[in-house]
Amino acid sequence: ASTLTQGLERIPDQLGYLVISEDGVLSSAGEMENDEHAAGVIMRMMQTAVKLCMNGSSEPFFKRMSGTLACCAVPQGGTES
């Protein structure tokens, strides 16, 4: 395993991961494998967070951002259970 992704597979209950940079997806696996759309959304979240945190400082407030995506697909005409 690459140093970039070392340990990600051991995160409990994870369904996949994306490691991204400004240039795009660096590594991915599981349900997020090669998910360029999700990478774009996450990159915009990071850019927004940086703008909100900068406060004139040249140093970013964070080096990493992680999150949990909880969603459920509801079929058309169906109801959420």
Protein backbone atom coordinates (compact mmCIF):
# COMPACT_ATOMS: atom_id res chain seq x y z
CA ALA A 1 0.00 0.00 0.00
CA SER A 2 1.13 3.50 -0.77
CA THR A 3 2.09 5.86 2.04
CA LEU A 4 -0.69 8.07 0.72
CA THR A 5 -3.38 5.51 1.53
CA GLN A 6 -1.74 3.62 4.38
CA GLY A 7 -4.38 2.67 6.94
CA LEU A 8 -7.43 3.91 5.02
CA GLU A 9 -8.61 0.34 4.40
CA ARG A 10 -8.72 -0.27 8.15
CA ILE A 11 -11.21 2.51 8.94
CA PRO A 12 -14.29 0.79 10.39
CA ASP A 13 -17.44 0.77 8.22
CA GLN A 14 -15.84 2.73 5.38
CA LEU A 15 -17.21 1.98 1.93
CA GLY A 16 -14.45 3.70 -0.01
CA TYR A 17 -12.15 6.67 -0.09
CA LEU A 18 -10.84 9.46 -2.31
CA VAL A 19 -7.45 11.10 -1.95
CA ILE A 20 -7.48 14.27 -4.02
CA SER A 21 -5.32 17.24 -4.87
CA GLU A 22 -5.96 20.36 -6.91
CA ASP A 23 -5.01 18.29 -9.95
CA GLY A 24 -7.66 15.61 -9.36
CA VAL A 25 -7.97 12.14 -7.85
CA LEU A 26 -4.64 10.76 -6.57
CA SER A 27 -6.02 7.51 -5.20
CA SER A 28 -9.45 5.96 -4.70
CA ALA A 29 -11.14 2.71 -3.81
CA GLY A 30 -14.49 1.13 -3.05
CA GLU A 31 -17.69 3.02 -3.80
CA MET A 32 -15.72 6.24 -4.39
CA GLU A 33 -13.31 4.75 -6.91
CA ASN A 34 -12.63 7.26 -9.71
CA ASP A 35 -15.56 9.45 -8.58
CA GLU A 36 -14.52 12.69 -10.27
CA HIS A 37 -17.86 14.37 -9.44
CA ALA A 38 -17.44 13.76 -5.70
CA ALA A 39 -13.81 14.89 -5.95
CA GLY A 40 -14.97 18.17 -7.52
CA VAL A 41 -17.57 18.74 -4.79
CA ILE A 42 -15.04 18.01 -2.06
CA MET A 43 -12.46 20.30 -3.68
CA ARG A 44 -14.99 23.15 -3.73
CA MET A 45 -15.70 22.49 -0.03
CA MET A 46 -11.96 22.72 0.70
CA GLN A 47 -11.59 25.94 -1.29
CA THR A 48 -14.53 27.46 0.60
CA ALA A 49 -13.11 26.38 3.97
CA VAL A 50 -9.73 27.90 3.12
CA LYS A 51 -11.35 31.21 2.18
CA LEU A 52 -13.30 31.26 5.45
CA CYS A 53 -10.29 30.36 7.63
CA MET A 54 -7.53 32.48 6.15
CA ASN A 55 -8.22 35.76 8.01
CA GLY A 56 -5.16 37.34 6.41
CA SER A 57 -2.82 34.53 7.43
CA SER A 58 -0.54 32.94 4.87
CA GLU A 59 -0.75 29.60 6.71
CA PRO A 60 -3.81 27.38 6.16
CA PHE A 61 -5.84 26.51 9.26
CA PHE A 62 -5.76 22.81 8.47
CA LYS A 63 -3.77 20.20 6.61
CA ARG A 64 -6.53 17.61 6.30
CA MET A 65 -10.29 17.61 6.03
CA SER A 66 -12.35 14.49 6.51
CA GLY A 67 -16.04 13.89 6.49
CA THR A 68 -18.80 11.37 6.57
CA LEU A 69 -21.31 11.06 3.79
CA ALA A 70 -24.64 9.67 4.93
CA CYS A 71 -27.26 9.46 2.26
CA CYS A 72 -29.94 7.16 1.12
CA ALA A 73 -31.39 6.77 -2.34
CA VAL A 74 -35.15 6.91 -2.54
CA PRO A 75 -36.63 5.34 -5.67
CA GLN A 76 -38.95 7.56 -7.67
CA GLY A 77 -42.43 7.25 -6.23
CA GLY A 78 -40.98 5.48 -3.19
CA THR A 79 -40.69 6.58 0.39
CA GLU A 80 -37.73 6.70 2.67
CA SER A 81 -37.73 4.01 5.34
